[in-house]
Protein backbone atom coordinates (compact mmCIF):
# COMPACT_ATOMS: atom_id res chain seq x y z
CA UNK A 1 53.64 135.66 109.73
CA UNK A 2 55.03 134.67 106.34
CA UNK A 3 58.60 135.14 107.56
CA UNK A 4 58.15 132.33 110.07
CA UNK A 5 56.87 129.92 107.42
CA UNK A 6 59.00 131.10 104.48
CA UNK A 7 60.60 127.71 103.77
CA UNK A 8 57.25 125.91 103.89
CA UNK A 9 55.78 128.58 101.65
CA UNK A 10 58.62 128.09 99.15
CA UNK A 11 57.98 124.32 99.06
CA UNK A 12 54.25 124.88 98.53
CA UNK A 13 54.90 127.51 95.86
CA UNK A 14 57.23 125.11 94.04
CA UNK A 15 54.57 122.40 94.17
CA UNK A 16 51.99 124.81 92.78
CA UNK A 17 54.40 125.67 89.95
CA UNK A 18 54.83 121.99 89.06
CA UNK A 19 51.05 121.42 89.08
CA UNK A 20 50.55 124.45 86.84
CA UNK A 21 53.24 123.19 84.46
CA UNK A 22 51.53 119.80 84.41
CA UNK A 23 48.17 121.29 83.50
CA UNK A 24 49.68 123.42 80.75
CA UNK A 25 51.60 120.42 79.46
CA UNK A 26 48.43 118.34 79.34
CA UNK A 27 46.42 121.11 77.72
CA UNK A 28 49.06 121.63 75.05
CA UNK A 29 49.36 117.99 74.09
CA UNK A 30 45.70 117.08 74.41
CA UNK A 31 45.06 119.15 71.30
CA UNK A 32 47.33 116.88 69.29
CA UNK A 33 44.98 113.94 68.73
CA UNK A 34 47.66 111.73 67.19
CA UNK A 35 49.54 111.42 70.48
CA UNK A 36 46.75 112.31 72.90
CA UNK A 37 46.50 108.81 74.38
CA UNK A 38 50.12 107.74 74.26
CA UNK A 39 52.61 107.21 77.06
CA UNK A 40 54.42 110.34 75.90
CA UNK A 41 51.65 112.60 77.20
CA UNK A 42 50.97 110.62 80.33
CA UNK A 43 54.56 110.30 81.48
CA UNK A 44 55.46 113.98 81.22
CA UNK A 45 52.30 115.22 82.89
CA UNK A 46 52.34 112.68 85.69
CA UNK A 47 56.03 113.30 86.34
CA UNK A 48 55.21 116.94 87.09
CA UNK A 49 52.36 115.93 89.40
CA UNK A 50 54.63 113.51 91.29
CA UNK A 51 57.25 116.25 91.70
CA UNK A 52 54.52 118.52 93.07
CA UNK A 53 53.51 115.84 95.58
CA UNK A 54 57.14 115.41 96.69
CA UNK A 55 57.51 119.13 97.33
CA UNK A 56 54.19 119.19 99.21
CA UNK A 57 55.54 116.46 101.48
CA UNK A 58 58.73 118.44 102.10
CA UNK A 59 56.67 121.54 102.86
CA UNK A 60 54.50 119.54 105.24
CA UNK A 61 57.57 118.22 107.07
CA UNK A 62 58.94 121.74 107.42
CA UNK A 63 55.62 123.10 108.70
CA UNK A 64 55.14 120.14 111.05
CA UNK A 65 58.47 120.69 112.74
CA UNK A 66 57.72 124.38 113.13
CA UNK A 67 54.33 123.60 114.68
CA UNK A 68 55.74 121.17 117.23
CA UNK A 69 58.21 123.81 118.39
CA UNK A 70 61.38 122.41 116.82
CA UNK A 71 61.83 124.31 113.56
CA UNK A 72 64.33 123.15 110.97
CA UNK A 73 67.48 125.20 110.43
CA UNK A 74 66.91 127.77 107.70
CA UNK A 75 70.31 127.38 106.05
CA UNK A 76 69.97 123.62 105.69
CA UNK A 77 66.35 123.94 104.56
CA UNK A 78 67.26 126.43 101.83
CA UNK A 79 70.17 124.22 100.75
CA UNK A 80 67.85 121.21 100.55
CA UNK A 81 65.20 123.15 98.64
CA UNK A 82 67.61 124.53 96.05
CA UNK A 83 69.59 121.32 95.53
CA UNK A 84 66.43 119.24 95.15
CA UNK A 85 64.70 121.76 92.90
CA UNK A 86 67.67 122.26 90.59
CA UNK A 87 68.40 118.53 90.46
CA UNK A 88 64.82 117.52 89.66
CA UNK A 89 64.44 120.22 87.02
CA UNK A 90 67.70 119.05 85.41
CA UNK A 91 66.51 115.43 85.42
CA UNK A 92 63.15 116.49 83.97
CA UNK A 93 64.77 118.33 81.08
CA UNK A 94 67.29 115.55 80.49
CA UNK A 95 64.40 113.09 80.37
CA UNK A 96 62.57 115.22 77.84
CA UNK A 97 65.49 114.88 75.45
CA UNK A 98 65.12 111.08 75.47
CA UNK A 99 61.43 111.24 74.59
CA UNK A 100 60.70 110.85 70.88
CA UNK A 101 59.82 113.80 68.73
CA UNK A 102 56.08 114.48 68.46
CA UNK A 103 55.86 113.24 64.87
CA UNK A 104 56.86 109.69 65.86
CA UNK A 105 54.18 107.33 67.10
CA UNK A 106 56.45 104.79 68.76
CA UNK A 107 59.82 104.47 70.37
CA UNK A 108 61.63 103.19 67.29
CA UNK A 109 63.64 106.41 67.47
CA UNK A 110 65.29 104.95 70.59
CA UNK A 111 67.30 102.64 68.30
CA UNK A 112 68.93 105.77 66.95
CA UNK A 113 69.78 107.04 70.44
CA UNK A 114 73.46 106.03 70.38
CA UNK A 115 73.98 107.82 67.09
CA UNK A 116 72.39 111.09 68.25
CA UNK A 117 73.92 111.34 71.72
CA UNK A 118 77.24 110.52 73.31
CA UNK A 119 75.78 108.04 75.78
CA UNK A 120 78.81 107.94 78.08
CA UNK A 121 78.65 111.68 78.76
CA UNK A 122 74.86 111.49 78.95
CA UNK A 123 74.84 108.81 81.65
CA UNK A 124 77.63 110.52 83.61
CA UNK A 125 75.56 113.72 83.64
CA UNK A 126 72.41 111.91 84.78
CA UNK A 127 74.40 110.07 87.47
CA UNK A 128 75.93 113.31 88.73
CA UNK A 129 72.53 115.01 88.98
CA UNK A 130 71.09 111.95 90.75
CA UNK A 131 73.93 111.98 93.29
CA UNK A 132 73.25 115.69 93.93
CA UNK A 133 69.59 114.87 94.65
CA UNK A 134 70.60 112.09 97.06
CA UNK A 135 72.97 114.50 98.84
CA UNK A 136 70.10 116.99 99.12
CA UNK A 137 67.96 114.33 100.82
CA UNK A 138 70.81 113.61 103.23
CA UNK A 139 70.86 117.33 104.06
CA UNK A 140 67.14 117.07 104.91
CA UNK A 141 67.79 114.00 107.06
CA UNK A 142 70.58 115.81 108.94
CA UNK A 143 68.32 118.85 109.37
CA UNK A 144 65.50 116.71 110.79
CA UNK A 145 67.92 114.92 113.12
CA UNK A 146 69.27 118.23 114.43
CA UNK A 147 65.73 119.53 114.95
CA UNK A 148 64.63 116.42 116.84
CA UNK A 149 67.53 116.53 119.30
CA UNK A 150 67.51 120.33 119.73
CA UNK A 151 65.72 121.98 122.63
CA UNK A 152 62.29 123.40 121.92
CA UNK A 153 62.12 127.06 120.91
CA UNK A 154 58.78 127.65 122.62
């Protein structure tokens, strides 16, 4: 039974991983009272919850097409899953490097950003990862289009 729904299961498992990471992130930073109510805590935790919701939607799309008798192609689904997952994790970790260090209470450290990082390489890397994520979504769109116009398996 699991073999038929393996791609959907992978999407749901990825979403569960992001939710778990979000709860651990919130639990870790909630102990630090000095930043407990700042945007630093809220943005990182909510980013993980949004990523979980996105992967739940992808899993729901995959399961829906299987249920209506027009399953998505496994190769394209795995390609979409891996490209999206790797791209979003890269963007998450790149975004964490922009956030201020925990000892700072504001974003005045952002004035020092150009001195600490080579911004041209930084923005090229973020742009490249973003393009990879867009290509992954095009793979999903192609996969859905193929599934819609393909004959039913049942």
